[in-house]
Amino acid sequence: MSQVMEVSLGKQGRVVIPAELRRLLDFQEGDKLVAREEAGRLILEKREVAHQRLQSLLAHLPAERSIVDELIGERREAAKREAEE
């Protein structure tokens, strides 16, 4: 069962994560967190957790496939089409 706690948005958009929730998530002072929006929700997770999640999402891709190269190629094609317009 997930924990639900109410927090307030303070000055400059600051949010204090309740101590009970920090303990539950093992958030320690100085931890690097990744913040992202997902379906209208704010998701905070440790950088290591985000990295592991992304690795598992991409684990099915063959090692010889470079999605970075594919993305660069797609962006170059899009830029070429935009320049031609």
N, C-alpha and C. Protein backbone atom coordinates (compact mmCIF):
# COMPACT_ATOMS: atom_id res chain seq x y z
N MET A 1 0.85 -1.18 0.00
CA MET A 1 0.00 0.00 0.00
C MET A 1 0.89 1.24 0.00
N SER A 2 0.57 2.22 -0.81
CA SER A 2 1.38 3.42 -0.88
C SER A 2 1.00 4.39 0.23
N GLN A 3 1.96 5.21 0.60
CA GLN A 3 1.77 6.22 1.63
C GLN A 3 1.24 7.49 0.97
N VAL A 4 0.25 8.12 1.61
CA VAL A 4 -0.29 9.38 1.12
C VAL A 4 -0.13 10.40 2.22
N MET A 5 0.54 11.50 1.90
CA MET A 5 0.75 12.57 2.87
C MET A 5 0.56 13.90 2.17
N GLU A 6 0.01 14.83 2.88
CA GLU A 6 -0.20 16.16 2.32
C GLU A 6 1.01 17.03 2.61
N VAL A 7 1.46 17.77 1.60
CA VAL A 7 2.56 18.72 1.76
C VAL A 7 2.10 20.06 1.19
N SER A 8 2.78 21.12 1.59
CA SER A 8 2.45 22.45 1.09
C SER A 8 3.57 22.97 0.21
N LEU A 9 3.17 23.74 -0.77
CA LEU A 9 4.13 24.39 -1.65
C LEU A 9 4.49 25.72 -1.02
N GLY A 10 5.77 25.89 -0.72
CA GLY A 10 6.22 27.10 -0.05
C GLY A 10 6.76 28.13 -1.02
N LYS A 11 7.41 29.13 -0.45
CA LYS A 11 8.01 30.20 -1.25
C LYS A 11 8.99 29.60 -2.24
N GLN A 12 9.05 30.19 -3.39
CA GLN A 12 9.96 29.77 -4.46
C GLN A 12 9.75 28.31 -4.87
N GLY A 13 8.52 27.79 -4.65
CA GLY A 13 8.19 26.45 -5.10
C GLY A 13 8.79 25.34 -4.26
N ARG A 14 9.20 25.64 -3.06
CA ARG A 14 9.84 24.62 -2.22
C ARG A 14 8.81 23.69 -1.59
N VAL A 15 9.16 22.41 -1.57
CA VAL A 15 8.32 21.38 -0.95
C VAL A 15 9.19 20.64 0.06
N VAL A 16 8.67 20.46 1.26
CA VAL A 16 9.38 19.68 2.27
C VAL A 16 8.80 18.27 2.24
N ILE A 17 9.67 17.29 2.05
CA ILE A 17 9.24 15.90 2.05
C ILE A 17 9.17 15.45 3.51
N PRO A 18 8.01 14.99 3.96
CA PRO A 18 7.87 14.58 5.36
C PRO A 18 8.90 13.52 5.76
N ALA A 19 9.37 13.60 7.01
CA ALA A 19 10.40 12.69 7.52
C ALA A 19 10.02 11.22 7.33
N GLU A 20 8.77 10.87 7.61
CA GLU A 20 8.33 9.48 7.47
C GLU A 20 8.51 9.00 6.03
N LEU A 21 8.18 9.86 5.08
CA LEU A 21 8.31 9.50 3.67
C LEU A 21 9.79 9.43 3.27
N ARG A 22 10.61 10.35 3.79
CA ARG A 22 12.05 10.29 3.51
C ARG A 22 12.65 8.98 4.01
N ARG A 23 12.24 8.56 5.19
CA ARG A 23 12.73 7.30 5.74
C ARG A 23 12.27 6.12 4.89
N LEU A 24 11.00 6.12 4.53
CA LEU A 24 10.44 5.05 3.71
C LEU A 24 11.18 4.91 2.38
N LEU A 25 11.53 6.05 1.77
CA LEU A 25 12.20 6.06 0.47
C LEU A 25 13.72 6.04 0.58
N ASP A 26 14.22 6.06 1.81
CA ASP A 26 15.66 6.13 2.08
C ASP A 26 16.29 7.34 1.40
N PHE A 27 15.60 8.48 1.45
CA PHE A 27 16.15 9.74 0.95
C PHE A 27 17.03 10.31 2.05
N GLN A 28 18.28 10.61 1.71
CA GLN A 28 19.23 11.17 2.66
C GLN A 28 19.62 12.58 2.20
N GLU A 29 20.02 13.39 3.17
CA GLU A 29 20.50 14.73 2.83
C GLU A 29 21.63 14.61 1.82
N GLY A 30 21.58 15.41 0.77
CA GLY A 30 22.60 15.39 -0.27
C GLY A 30 22.31 14.45 -1.43
N ASP A 31 21.30 13.59 -1.30
CA ASP A 31 20.93 12.71 -2.41
C ASP A 31 20.55 13.55 -3.63
N LYS A 32 20.93 13.08 -4.80
CA LYS A 32 20.52 13.72 -6.05
C LYS A 32 19.21 13.08 -6.48
N LEU A 33 18.18 13.90 -6.65
CA LEU A 33 16.87 13.42 -7.07
C LEU A 33 16.58 13.89 -8.48
N VAL A 34 15.84 13.10 -9.21
CA VAL A 34 15.37 13.45 -10.55
C VAL A 34 13.89 13.76 -10.43
N ALA A 35 13.49 14.93 -10.93
CA ALA A 35 12.08 15.33 -10.92
C ALA A 35 11.57 15.28 -12.35
N ARG A 36 10.38 14.69 -12.51
CA ARG A 36 9.77 14.64 -13.85
C ARG A 36 8.26 14.71 -13.71
N GLU A 37 7.64 15.14 -14.77
CA GLU A 37 6.18 15.20 -14.82
C GLU A 37 5.70 13.98 -15.57
N GLU A 38 4.68 13.35 -15.03
CA GLU A 38 4.09 12.19 -15.69
C GLU A 38 2.59 12.21 -15.46
N ALA A 39 1.85 12.42 -16.54
CA ALA A 39 0.39 12.42 -16.50
C ALA A 39 -0.15 13.36 -15.42
N GLY A 40 0.43 14.57 -15.36
CA GLY A 40 -0.04 15.57 -14.41
C GLY A 40 0.44 15.36 -12.99
N ARG A 41 1.37 14.44 -12.80
CA ARG A 41 1.91 14.16 -11.47
C ARG A 41 3.38 14.54 -11.41
N LEU A 42 3.85 14.92 -10.24
CA LEU A 42 5.27 15.16 -10.02
C LEU A 42 5.88 13.89 -9.46
N ILE A 43 6.90 13.39 -10.15
CA ILE A 43 7.58 12.18 -9.72
C ILE A 43 8.99 12.58 -9.27
N LEU A 44 9.36 12.22 -8.07
CA LEU A 44 10.72 12.42 -7.55
C LEU A 44 11.32 11.05 -7.29
N GLU A 45 12.52 10.83 -7.79
CA GLU A 45 13.19 9.57 -7.53
C GLU A 45 14.69 9.80 -7.47
N LYS A 46 15.36 8.93 -6.73
CA LYS A 46 16.81 9.02 -6.66
C LYS A 46 17.39 8.84 -8.06
N ARG A 47 18.48 9.52 -8.32
CA ARG A 47 19.13 9.43 -9.63
C ARG A 47 19.44 7.97 -9.98
N GLU A 48 19.91 7.20 -8.99
CA GLU A 48 20.25 5.80 -9.24
C GLU A 48 19.03 4.98 -9.63
N VAL A 49 17.90 5.27 -9.00
CA VAL A 49 16.65 4.56 -9.31
C VAL A 49 16.20 4.89 -10.73
N ALA A 50 16.30 6.18 -11.10
CA ALA A 50 15.93 6.60 -12.46
C ALA A 50 16.82 5.89 -13.48
N HIS A 51 18.11 5.82 -13.18
CA HIS A 51 19.06 5.17 -14.08
C HIS A 51 18.72 3.68 -14.26
N GLN A 52 18.44 3.00 -13.15
CA GLN A 52 18.07 1.57 -13.22
C GLN A 52 16.77 1.38 -13.99
N ARG A 53 15.80 2.29 -13.78
CA ARG A 53 14.51 2.19 -14.47
C ARG A 53 14.71 2.33 -15.98
N LEU A 54 15.53 3.29 -16.37
CA LEU A 54 15.78 3.49 -17.80
C LEU A 54 16.54 2.32 -18.40
N GLN A 55 17.50 1.78 -17.66
CA GLN A 55 18.23 0.61 -18.16
C GLN A 55 17.29 -0.56 -18.40
N SER A 56 16.36 -0.77 -17.48
CA SER A 56 15.44 -1.90 -17.65
C SER A 56 14.48 -1.65 -18.82
N LEU A 57 14.11 -0.39 -19.04
CA LEU A 57 13.24 -0.07 -20.18
C LEU A 57 13.93 -0.34 -21.51
N LEU A 58 15.24 -0.16 -21.55
CA LEU A 58 15.99 -0.31 -22.80
C LEU A 58 16.70 -1.66 -22.91
N ALA A 59 16.55 -2.51 -21.92
CA ALA A 59 17.28 -3.79 -21.88
C ALA A 59 16.95 -4.69 -23.07
N HIS A 60 15.75 -4.54 -23.64
CA HIS A 60 15.35 -5.42 -24.74
C HIS A 60 16.02 -5.05 -26.07
N LEU A 61 16.66 -3.88 -26.13
CA LEU A 61 17.31 -3.46 -27.37
C LEU A 61 18.62 -4.20 -27.57
N PRO A 62 18.92 -4.60 -28.79
CA PRO A 62 20.20 -5.28 -29.05
C PRO A 62 21.37 -4.35 -28.75
N ALA A 63 22.46 -4.90 -28.24
CA ALA A 63 23.62 -4.09 -27.85
C ALA A 63 24.22 -3.34 -29.04
N GLU A 64 24.12 -3.92 -30.24
CA GLU A 64 24.72 -3.27 -31.41
C GLU A 64 23.88 -2.11 -31.94
N ARG A 65 22.67 -1.95 -31.44
CA ARG A 65 21.80 -0.86 -31.87
C ARG A 65 22.09 0.40 -31.05
N SER A 66 22.27 1.53 -31.73
CA SER A 66 22.54 2.78 -31.04
C SER A 66 21.33 3.70 -31.22
N ILE A 67 20.54 3.84 -30.17
CA ILE A 67 19.39 4.73 -30.28
C ILE A 67 19.84 6.19 -30.33
N VAL A 68 21.03 6.48 -29.82
CA VAL A 68 21.57 7.83 -29.93
C VAL A 68 21.83 8.17 -31.39
N ASP A 69 22.49 7.25 -32.10
CA ASP A 69 22.75 7.47 -33.52
C ASP A 69 21.45 7.59 -34.30
N GLU A 70 20.46 6.78 -33.95
CA GLU A 70 19.16 6.85 -34.62
C GLU A 70 18.51 8.21 -34.39
N LEU A 71 18.56 8.70 -33.15
CA LEU A 71 17.97 10.00 -32.83
C LEU A 71 18.68 11.12 -33.59
N ILE A 72 20.00 11.07 -33.61
CA ILE A 72 20.76 12.10 -34.34
C ILE A 72 20.39 12.06 -35.82
N GLY A 73 20.28 10.86 -36.38
CA GLY A 73 19.89 10.73 -37.79
C GLY A 73 18.50 11.29 -38.05
N GLU A 74 17.56 11.00 -37.14
CA GLU A 74 16.20 11.52 -37.29
C GLU A 74 16.19 13.05 -37.21
N ARG A 75 16.96 13.62 -36.28
CA ARG A 75 17.00 15.08 -36.13
C ARG A 75 17.63 15.73 -37.36
N ARG A 76 18.66 15.10 -37.93
CA ARG A 76 19.28 15.64 -39.14
C ARG A 76 18.30 15.64 -40.31
N GLU A 77 17.56 14.56 -40.44
CA GLU A 77 16.54 14.48 -41.51
C GLU A 77 15.47 15.55 -41.30
N ALA A 78 15.02 15.73 -40.07
CA ALA A 78 14.00 16.75 -39.79
C ALA A 78 14.54 18.13 -40.09
N ALA A 79 15.80 18.41 -39.72
CA ALA A 79 16.40 19.72 -39.98
C ALA A 79 16.53 19.95 -41.48
N LYS A 80 16.87 18.90 -42.22
CA LYS A 80 17.00 18.99 -43.68
C LYS A 80 15.66 19.32 -44.30
N ARG A 81 14.59 18.64 -43.84
CA ARG A 81 13.23 18.91 -44.37
C ARG A 81 12.81 20.34 -44.04
N GLU A 82 13.11 20.81 -42.83
CA GLU A 82 12.73 22.18 -42.43
C GLU A 82 13.47 23.20 -43.27
N ALA A 83 14.74 22.93 -43.58
CA ALA A 83 15.54 23.85 -44.39
C ALA A 83 15.01 23.93 -45.82
N GLU A 84 14.46 22.82 -46.31
CA GLU A 84 13.93 22.78 -47.67
C GLU A 84 12.60 23.49 -47.81
N GLU A 85 11.90 23.72 -46.71
CA GLU A 85 10.57 24.34 -46.75
C GLU A 85 10.64 25.83 -46.93
